PDB file of N, CA and C in Angstrom:
ATOM      1  N   MET A   1      -2.693  14.051   5.272  1.00  0.00           N
ATOM      2  CA  MET A   1      -2.074  13.237   4.249  1.00  0.00           C
ATOM      3  C   MET A   1      -1.168  12.195   4.908  1.00  0.00           C
ATOM      4  N   VAL A   2      -0.992  11.079   4.215  1.00  0.00           N
ATOM      5  CA  VAL A   2      -0.056  10.050   4.644  1.00  0.00           C
ATOM      6  C   VAL A   2       0.994   9.879   3.553  1.00  0.00           C
ATOM      7  N   ARG A   3       2.140   9.434   3.962  1.00  0.00           N
ATOM      8  CA  ARG A   3       3.228   9.157   3.021  1.00  0.00           C
ATOM      9  C   ARG A   3       3.162   7.672   2.668  1.00  0.00           C
ATOM     10  N   ILE A   4       3.275   7.354   1.390  1.00  0.00           N
ATOM     11  CA  ILE A   4       3.283   5.968   0.942  1.00  0.00           C
ATOM     12  C   ILE A   4       4.614   5.710   0.257  1.00  0.00           C
ATOM     13  N   GLN A   5       5.290   4.657   0.703  1.00  0.00           N
ATOM     14  CA  GLN A   5       6.563   4.259   0.115  1.00  0.00           C
ATOM     15  C   GLN A   5       6.380   2.923  -0.590  1.00  0.00           C
ATOM     16  N   VAL A   6       6.881   2.837  -1.818  1.00  0.00           N
ATOM     17  CA  VAL A   6       6.794   1.600  -2.599  1.00  0.00           C
ATOM     18  C   VAL A   6       8.192   1.232  -3.093  1.00  0.00           C
ATOM     19  N   PRO A   7       8.400  -0.041  -3.463  1.00  0.00           N
ATOM     20  CA  PRO A   7       9.701  -0.442  -4.014  1.00  0.00           C
ATOM     21  C   PRO A   7       9.992   0.312  -5.314  1.00  0.00           C
ATOM     22  N   SER A   8      11.219   0.742  -5.501  1.00  0.00           N
ATOM     23  CA  SER A   8      11.574   1.524  -6.693  1.00  0.00           C
ATOM     24  C   SER A   8      11.365   0.742  -7.984  1.00  0.00           C
ATOM     25  N   VAL A   9      11.477  -0.570  -7.942  1.00  0.00           N
ATOM     26  CA  VAL A   9      11.295  -1.373  -9.161  1.00  0.00           C
ATOM     27  C   VAL A   9       9.840  -1.401  -9.616  1.00  0.00           C
ATOM     28  N   TRP A  10       8.921  -0.981  -8.787  1.00  0.00           N
ATOM     29  CA  TRP A  10       7.509  -0.961  -9.153  1.00  0.00           C
ATOM     30  C   TRP A  10       7.154   0.208 -10.059  1.00  0.00           C
ATOM     31  N   ASN A  11       7.983   1.227 -10.084  1.00  0.00           N
ATOM     32  CA  ASN A  11       7.659   2.430 -10.841  1.00  0.00           C
ATOM     33  C   ASN A  11       8.727   2.658 -11.901  1.00  0.00           C
ATOM     34  N   PRO A  12       8.347   2.671 -13.173  1.00  0.00           N
ATOM     35  CA  PRO A  12       9.325   2.866 -14.242  1.00  0.00           C
ATOM     36  C   PRO A  12      10.132   4.158 -14.093  1.00  0.00           C
ATOM     37  N   GLU A  13       9.566   5.144 -13.426  1.00  0.00           N
ATOM     38  CA  GLU A  13      10.263   6.419 -13.224  1.00  0.00           C
ATOM     39  C   GLU A  13      11.165   6.388 -11.996  1.00  0.00           C
ATOM     40  N   GLY A  14      11.097   5.310 -11.212  1.00  0.00           N
ATOM     41  CA  GLY A  14      11.934   5.174 -10.027  1.00  0.00           C
ATOM     42  C   GLY A  14      11.430   5.910  -8.802  1.00  0.00           C
ATOM     43  N   ARG A  15      10.300   6.558  -8.903  1.00  0.00           N
ATOM     44  CA  ARG A  15       9.744   7.294  -7.764  1.00  0.00           C
ATOM     45  C   ARG A  15       9.293   6.307  -6.692  1.00  0.00           C
ATOM     46  N   THR A  16       9.621   6.594  -5.432  1.00  0.00           N
ATOM     47  CA  THR A  16       9.262   5.688  -4.342  1.00  0.00           C
ATOM     48  C   THR A  16       8.345   6.314  -3.299  1.00  0.00           C
ATOM     49  N   ASP A  17       8.247   7.617  -3.241  1.00  0.00           N
ATOM     50  CA  ASP A  17       7.429   8.296  -2.232  1.00  0.00           C
ATOM     51  C   ASP A  17       6.229   8.974  -2.874  1.00  0.00           C
ATOM     52  N   PHE A  18       5.074   8.742  -2.262  1.00  0.00           N
ATOM     53  CA  PHE A  18       3.817   9.302  -2.753  1.00  0.00           C
ATOM     54  C   PHE A  18       3.018   9.792  -1.554  1.00  0.00           C
ATOM     55  N   GLU A  19       1.921  10.489  -1.813  1.00  0.00           N
ATOM     56  CA  GLU A  19       1.016  10.923  -0.754  1.00  0.00           C
ATOM     57  C   GLU A  19      -0.394  10.459  -1.061  1.00  0.00           C
ATOM     58  N   ALA A  20      -1.148  10.233   0.005  1.00  0.00           N
ATOM     59  CA  ALA A  20      -2.556   9.854  -0.122  1.00  0.00           C
ATOM     60  C   ALA A  20      -3.291  10.375   1.107  1.00  0.00           C
ATOM     61  N   ASP A  21      -4.608  10.392   1.028  1.00  0.00           N
ATOM     62  CA  ASP A  21      -5.414  10.804   2.175  1.00  0.00           C
ATOM     63  C   ASP A  21      -5.431   9.705   3.223  1.00  0.00           C
ATOM     64  N   GLU A  22      -5.511  10.122   4.479  1.00  0.00           N
ATOM     65  CA  GLU A  22      -5.602   9.164   5.578  1.00  0.00           C
ATOM     66  C   GLU A  22      -6.961   8.475   5.575  1.00  0.00           C
ATOM     67  N   GLY A  23      -7.082   7.404   6.373  1.00  0.00           N
ATOM     68  CA  GLY A  23      -8.337   6.668   6.475  1.00  0.00           C
ATOM     69  C   GLY A  23      -8.082   5.199   6.724  1.00  0.00           C
ATOM     70  N   PRO A  24      -9.114   4.366   6.571  1.00  0.00           N
ATOM     71  CA  PRO A  24      -8.937   2.925   6.734  1.00  0.00           C
ATOM     72  C   PRO A  24      -7.884   2.410   5.744  1.00  0.00           C
ATOM     73  N   LEU A  25      -7.014   1.517   6.203  1.00  0.00           N
ATOM     74  CA  LEU A  25      -5.913   1.043   5.368  1.00  0.00           C
ATOM     75  C   LEU A  25      -6.353   0.532   4.000  1.00  0.00           C
ATOM     76  N   PRO A  26      -7.393  -0.299   3.895  1.00  0.00           N
ATOM     77  CA  PRO A  26      -7.797  -0.748   2.556  1.00  0.00           C
ATOM     78  C   PRO A  26      -8.185   0.410   1.633  1.00  0.00           C
ATOM     79  N   GLU A  27      -8.821   1.437   2.192  1.00  0.00           N
ATOM     80  CA  GLU A  27      -9.206   2.603   1.389  1.00  0.00           C
ATOM     81  C   GLU A  27      -7.989   3.422   0.974  1.00  0.00           C
ATOM     82  N   VAL A  28      -7.020   3.561   1.862  1.00  0.00           N
ATOM     83  CA  VAL A  28      -5.791   4.282   1.528  1.00  0.00           C
ATOM     84  C   VAL A  28      -5.104   3.594   0.353  1.00  0.00           C
ATOM     85  N   ILE A  29      -4.989   2.272   0.429  1.00  0.00           N
ATOM     86  CA  ILE A  29      -4.347   1.510  -0.649  1.00  0.00           C
ATOM     87  C   ILE A  29      -5.149   1.633  -1.936  1.00  0.00           C
ATOM     88  N   ARG A  30      -6.456   1.503  -1.840  1.00  0.00           N
ATOM     89  CA  ARG A  30      -7.318   1.572  -3.027  1.00  0.00           C
ATOM     90  C   ARG A  30      -7.222   2.945  -3.703  1.00  0.00           C
ATOM     91  N   ARG A  31      -7.328   4.002  -2.918  1.00  0.00           N
ATOM     92  CA  ARG A  31      -7.248   5.359  -3.486  1.00  0.00           C
ATOM     93  C   ARG A  31      -5.879   5.621  -4.114  1.00  0.00           C
ATOM     94  N   PHE A  32      -4.830   5.144  -3.449  1.00  0.00           N
ATOM     95  CA  PHE A  32      -3.484   5.305  -3.995  1.00  0.00           C
ATOM     96  C   PHE A  32      -3.352   4.583  -5.333  1.00  0.00           C
ATOM     97  N   ALA A  33      -3.817   3.344  -5.396  1.00  0.00           N
ATOM     98  CA  ALA A  33      -3.722   2.555  -6.633  1.00  0.00           C
ATOM     99  C   ALA A  33      -4.540   3.179  -7.759  1.00  0.00           C
ATOM    100  N   GLU A  34      -5.660   3.777  -7.427  1.00  0.00           N
ATOM    101  CA  GLU A  34      -6.480   4.417  -8.450  1.00  0.00           C
ATOM    102  C   GLU A  34      -5.861   5.734  -8.923  1.00  0.00           C
ATOM    103  N   ALA A  35      -5.169   6.432  -8.033  1.00  0.00           N
ATOM    104  CA  ALA A  35      -4.523   7.692  -8.402  1.00  0.00           C
ATOM    105  C   ALA A  35      -3.261   7.465  -9.237  1.00  0.00           C
ATOM    106  N   TYR A  36      -2.631   6.312  -9.044  1.00  0.00           N
ATOM    107  CA  TYR A  36      -1.401   5.971  -9.774  1.00  0.00           C
ATOM    108  C   TYR A  36      -1.609   4.624 -10.450  1.00  0.00           C
ATOM    109  N   PRO A  37      -2.206   4.621 -11.644  1.00  0.00           N
ATOM    110  CA  PRO A  37      -2.577   3.380 -12.328  1.00  0.00           C
ATOM    111  C   PRO A  37      -1.438   2.381 -12.513  1.00  0.00           C
ATOM    112  N   VAL A  38      -0.193   2.847 -12.581  1.00  0.00           N
ATOM    113  CA  VAL A  38       0.929   1.918 -12.725  1.00  0.00           C
ATOM    114  C   VAL A  38       1.035   0.996 -11.503  1.00  0.00           C
ATOM    115  N   MET A  39       0.466   1.397 -10.378  1.00  0.00           N
ATOM    116  CA  MET A  39       0.507   0.597  -9.150  1.00  0.00           C
ATOM    117  C   MET A  39      -0.686  -0.350  -9.015  1.00  0.00           C
ATOM    118  N   ARG A  40      -1.728  -0.109  -9.774  1.00  0.00           N
ATOM    119  CA  ARG A  40      -2.986  -0.850  -9.598  1.00  0.00           C
ATOM    120  C   ARG A  40      -2.802  -2.358  -9.640  1.00  0.00           C
ATOM    121  N   ARG A  41      -2.162  -2.880 -10.652  1.00  0.00           N
ATOM    122  CA  ARG A  41      -2.039  -4.339 -10.795  1.00  0.00           C
ATOM    123  C   ARG A  41      -1.178  -4.957  -9.699  1.00  0.00           C
ATOM    124  N   ARG A  42      -0.351  -4.157  -9.060  1.00  0.00           N
ATOM    125  CA  ARG A  42       0.503  -4.660  -7.989  1.00  0.00           C
ATOM    126  C   ARG A  42      -0.185  -4.643  -6.630  1.00  0.00           C
ATOM    127  N   LEU A  43      -1.267  -3.854  -6.520  1.00  0.00           N
ATOM    128  CA  LEU A  43      -1.907  -3.667  -5.223  1.00  0.00           C
ATOM    129  C   LEU A  43      -3.349  -4.149  -5.134  1.00  0.00           C
ATOM    130  N   LEU A  44      -4.057  -4.197  -6.263  1.00  0.00           N
ATOM    131  CA  LEU A  44      -5.482  -4.534  -6.233  1.00  0.00           C
ATOM    132  C   LEU A  44      -5.773  -5.751  -7.089  1.00  0.00           C
ATOM    133  N   ASP A  45      -6.779  -6.536  -6.662  1.00  0.00           N
ATOM    134  CA  ASP A  45      -7.218  -7.660  -7.486  1.00  0.00           C
ATOM    135  C   ASP A  45      -8.211  -7.160  -8.535  1.00  0.00           C
ATOM    136  N   ALA A  46      -8.761  -8.075  -9.317  1.00  0.00           N
ATOM    137  CA  ALA A  46      -9.676  -7.703 -10.406  1.00  0.00           C
ATOM    138  C   ALA A  46     -10.930  -6.997  -9.897  1.00  0.00           C
ATOM    139  N   ALA A  47     -11.319  -7.276  -8.653  1.00  0.00           N
ATOM    140  CA  ALA A  47     -12.504  -6.652  -8.068  1.00  0.00           C
ATOM    141  C   ALA A  47     -12.187  -5.311  -7.402  1.00  0.00           C
ATOM    142  N   GLY A  48     -10.911  -4.901  -7.435  1.00  0.00           N
ATOM    143  CA  GLY A  48     -10.532  -3.637  -6.817  1.00  0.00           C
ATOM    144  C   GLY A  48     -10.224  -3.727  -5.341  1.00  0.00           C
ATOM    145  N   GLU A  49     -10.058  -4.943  -4.828  1.00  0.00           N
ATOM    146  CA  GLU A  49      -9.730  -5.134  -3.414  1.00  0.00           C
ATOM    147  C   GLU A  49      -8.214  -5.247  -3.249  1.00  0.00           C
ATOM    148  N   PRO A  50      -7.663  -4.716  -2.148  1.00  0.00           N
ATOM    149  CA  PRO A  50      -6.224  -4.832  -1.919  1.00  0.00           C
ATOM    150  C   PRO A  50      -5.782  -6.297  -1.841  1.00  0.00           C
ATOM    151  N   LEU A  51      -4.678  -6.593  -2.504  1.00  0.00           N
ATOM    152  CA  LEU A  51      -4.129  -7.946  -2.493  1.00  0.00           C
ATOM    153  C   LEU A  51      -3.589  -8.275  -1.104  1.00  0.00           C
ATOM    154  N   LEU A  52      -3.881  -9.468  -0.626  1.00  0.00           N
ATOM    155  CA  LEU A  52      -3.464  -9.850   0.719  1.00  0.00           C
ATOM    156  C   LEU A  52      -2.013 -10.296   0.794  1.00  0.00           C
ATOM    157  N   TYR A  53      -1.437 -10.726  -0.313  1.00  0.00           N
ATOM    158  CA  TYR A  53      -0.066 -11.234  -0.251  1.00  0.00           C
ATOM    159  C   TYR A  53       0.994 -10.137  -0.300  1.00  0.00           C
ATOM    160  N   VAL A  54       0.583  -8.897  -0.456  1.00  0.00           N
ATOM    161  CA  VAL A  54       1.511  -7.766  -0.400  1.00  0.00           C
ATOM    162  C   VAL A  54       1.608  -7.335   1.059  1.00  0.00           C
ATOM    163  N   ASN A  55       2.813  -7.276   1.604  1.00  0.00           N
ATOM    164  CA  ASN A  55       2.991  -6.870   2.994  1.00  0.00           C
ATOM    165  C   ASN A  55       2.912  -5.356   3.117  1.00  0.00           C
ATOM    166  N   VAL A  56       2.276  -4.906   4.197  1.00  0.00           N
ATOM    167  CA  VAL A  56       2.062  -3.478   4.412  1.00  0.00           C
ATOM    168  C   VAL A  56       2.435  -3.132   5.852  1.00  0.00           C
ATOM    169  N   CYS A  57       3.227  -2.078   6.006  1.00  0.00           N
ATOM    170  CA  CYS A  57       3.566  -1.557   7.329  1.00  0.00           C
ATOM    171  C   CYS A  57       2.952  -0.171   7.479  1.00  0.00           C
ATOM    172  N   VAL A  58       2.491   0.117   8.675  1.00  0.00           N
ATOM    173  CA  VAL A  58       2.071   1.473   9.023  1.00  0.00           C
ATOM    174  C   VAL A  58       3.029   1.906  10.118  1.00  0.00           C
ATOM    175  N   GLY A  59       3.802   2.942   9.825  1.00  0.00           N
ATOM    176  CA  GLY A  59       4.901   3.288  10.725  1.00  0.00           C
ATOM    177  C   GLY A  59       5.908   2.148  10.692  1.00  0.00           C
ATOM    178  N   ASP A  60       6.298   1.672  11.843  1.00  0.00           N
ATOM    179  CA  ASP A  60       7.249   0.561  11.930  1.00  0.00           C
ATOM    180  C   ASP A  60       6.563  -0.776  12.156  1.00  0.00           C
ATOM    181  N   GLU A  61       5.246  -0.810  12.087  1.00  0.00           N
ATOM    182  CA  GLU A  61       4.496  -2.026  12.420  1.00  0.00           C
ATOM    183  C   GLU A  61       3.973  -2.735  11.170  1.00  0.00           C
ATOM    184  N   LEU A  62       4.361  -3.998  11.013  1.00  0.00           N
ATOM    185  CA  LEU A  62       3.821  -4.831   9.946  1.00  0.00           C
ATOM    186  C   LEU A  62       2.379  -5.167  10.311  1.00  0.00           C
ATOM    187  N   ILE A  63       1.452  -4.869   9.419  1.00  0.00           N
ATOM    188  CA  ILE A  63       0.036  -5.095   9.700  1.00  0.00           C
ATOM    189  C   ILE A  63      -0.352  -6.480   9.190  1.00  0.00           C
ATOM    190  N   PRO A  64      -0.733  -7.388  10.100  1.00  0.00           N
ATOM    191  CA  PRO A  64      -1.150  -8.724   9.669  1.00  0.00           C
ATOM    192  C   PRO A  64      -2.382  -8.642   8.770  1.00  0.00           C
ATOM    193  N   ARG A  65      -2.485  -9.583   7.867  1.00  0.00           N
ATOM    194  CA  ARG A  65      -3.600  -9.594   6.902  1.00  0.00           C
ATOM    195  C   ARG A  65      -4.957  -9.493   7.594  1.00  0.00           C
ATOM    196  N   HIS A  66      -5.131 -10.227   8.678  1.00  0.00           N
ATOM    197  CA  HIS A  66      -6.447 -10.264   9.330  1.00  0.00           C
ATOM    198  C   HIS A  66      -6.791  -8.963  10.064  1.00  0.00           C
ATOM    199  N   LEU A  67      -5.836  -8.063  10.218  1.00  0.00           N
ATOM    200  CA  LEU A  67      -6.101  -6.787  10.899  1.00  0.00           C
ATOM    201  C   LEU A  67      -6.170  -5.593   9.949  1.00  0.00           C
ATOM    202  N   ARG A  68      -5.884  -5.806   8.688  1.00  0.00           N
ATOM    203  CA  ARG A  68      -5.821  -4.675   7.751  1.00  0.00           C
ATOM    204  C   ARG A  68      -7.152  -3.950   7.594  1.00  0.00           C
ATOM    205  N   ARG A  69      -8.231  -4.695   7.556  1.00  0.00           N
ATOM    206  CA  ARG A  69      -9.543  -4.077   7.354  1.00  0.00           C
ATOM    207  C   ARG A  69      -9.890  -3.114   8.494  1.00  0.00           C
ATOM    208  N   ASP A  70      -9.392  -3.405   9.704  1.00  0.00           N
ATOM    209  CA  ASP A  70      -9.713  -2.589  10.871  1.00  0.00           C
ATOM    210  C   ASP A  70      -8.645  -1.543  11.200  1.00  0.00           C
ATOM    211  N   THR A  71      -7.572  -1.508  10.432  1.00  0.00           N
ATOM    212  CA  THR A  71      -6.479  -0.567  10.698  1.00  0.00           C
ATOM    213  C   THR A  71      -6.787   0.784  10.060  1.00  0.00           C
ATOM    214  N   VAL A  72      -6.682   1.834  10.857  1.00  0.00           N
ATOM    215  CA  VAL A  72      -6.887   3.200  10.370  1.00  0.00           C
ATOM    216  C   VAL A  72      -5.525   3.876  10.305  1.00  0.00           C
ATOM    217  N   VAL A  73      -5.243   4.491   9.177  1.00  0.00           N
ATOM    218  CA  VAL A  73      -3.972   5.196   8.977  1.00  0.00           C
ATOM    219  C   VAL A  73      -4.203   6.671   9.286  1.00  0.00           C
ATOM    220  N   PRO A  74      -3.553   7.188  10.340  1.00  0.00           N
ATOM    221  CA  PRO A  74      -3.766   8.589  10.699  1.00  0.00           C
ATOM    222  C   PRO A  74      -2.945   9.536   9.827  1.00  0.00           C
ATOM    223  N   ALA A  75      -3.356  10.783   9.805  1.00  0.00           N
ATOM    224  CA  ALA A  75      -2.598  11.813   9.086  1.00  0.00           C
ATOM    225  C   ALA A  75      -1.175  11.848   9.624  1.00  0.00           C
ATOM    226  N   GLY A  76      -0.215  11.998   8.726  1.00  0.00           N
ATOM    227  CA  GLY A  76       1.185  12.075   9.113  1.00  0.00           C
ATOM    228  C   GLY A  76       1.897  10.737   9.174  1.00  0.00           C
ATOM    229  N   ALA A  77       1.156   9.645   9.056  1.00  0.00           N
ATOM    230  CA  ALA A  77       1.762   8.313   9.128  1.00  0.00           C
ATOM    231  C   ALA A  77       2.445   7.959   7.808  1.00  0.00           C
ATOM    232  N   THR A  78       3.320   6.964   7.875  1.00  0.00           N
ATOM    233  CA  THR A  78       3.966   6.425   6.680  1.00  0.00           C
ATOM    234  C   THR A  78       3.487   5.004   6.467  1.00  0.00           C
ATOM    235  N   VAL A  79       3.029   4.715   5.254  1.00  0.00           N
ATOM    236  CA  VAL A  79       2.631   3.365   4.853  1.00  0.00           C
ATOM    237  C   VAL A  79       3.723   2.856   3.921  1.00  0.00           C
ATOM    238  N   THR A  80       4.341   1.753   4.303  1.00  0.00           N
ATOM    239  CA  THR A  80       5.381   1.150   3.478  1.00  0.00           C
ATOM    240  C   THR A  80       4.838  -0.133   2.877  1.00  0.00           C
ATOM    241  N   ILE A  81       4.919  -0.234   1.571  1.00  0.00           N
ATOM    242  CA  ILE A  81       4.445  -1.424   0.866  1.00  0.00           C
ATOM    243  C   ILE A  81       5.674  -2.239   0.488  1.00  0.00           C
ATOM    244  N   ILE A  82       5.671  -3.499   0.904  1.00  0.00           N
ATOM    245  CA  ILE A  82       6.811  -4.384   0.689  1.00  0.00           C
ATOM    246  C   ILE A  82       6.448  -5.391  -0.390  1.00  0.00           C
ATOM    247  N   ALA A  83       7.271  -5.456  -1.412  1.00  0.00           N
ATOM    248  CA  ALA A  83       7.015  -6.379  -2.519  1.00  0.00           C
ATOM    249  C   ALA A  83       6.993  -7.816  -2.007  1.00  0.00           C
ATOM    250  N   PRO A  84       6.036  -8.619  -2.492  1.00  0.00           N
ATOM    251  CA  PRO A  84       6.000 -10.020  -2.076  1.00  0.00           C
ATOM    252  C   PRO A  84       7.215 -10.766  -2.617  1.00  0.00           C
ATOM    253  N   MET A  85       7.644 -11.759  -1.850  1.00  0.00           N
ATOM    254  CA  MET A  85       8.770 -12.591  -2.273  1.00  0.00           C
ATOM    255  C   MET A  85       8.350 -14.046  -2.201  1.00  0.00           C
ATOM    256  N   ALA A  86       8.904 -14.833  -3.083  1.00  0.00           N
ATOM    257  CA  ALA A  86       8.631 -16.270  -3.074  1.00  0.00           C
ATOM    258  C   ALA A  86       9.961 -16.996  -3.161  1.00  0.00           C
ATOM    259  N   GLY A  87       9.947 -18.193  -2.733  1.00  0.00           N
ATOM    260  CA  GLY A  87      11.171 -18.977  -2.800  1.00  0.00           C
ATOM    261  C   GLY A  87      11.049 -20.202  -1.922  1.00  0.00           C
ATOM    262  N   GLY A  88      12.098 -20.904  -1.844  1.00  0.00           N
ATOM    263  CA  GLY A  88      12.007 -22.093  -1.012  1.00  0.00           C
ATOM    264  C   GLY A  88      13.332 -22.734  -0.814  1.00  0.00           C
TER     265      GLY A  88
END
């Protein structure tokens, strides 16, 4: 299992820690979003693909968008999802 951390404002109940099965990062995100429907619109597009503008860390490493498809999340790892920000 992997630990998934999300921003508290994303969940009406305030829960921030979840668990999911390990595997390729896009699959981990997809399975998590499907298991917790309140997260789906924040993590997946209409086709069910992980949104690229959401930042994702595995452990302490920010995973660049172009490397996410090839990143494998091992058992025991922590995936931190960082809410996108805009501004200027």
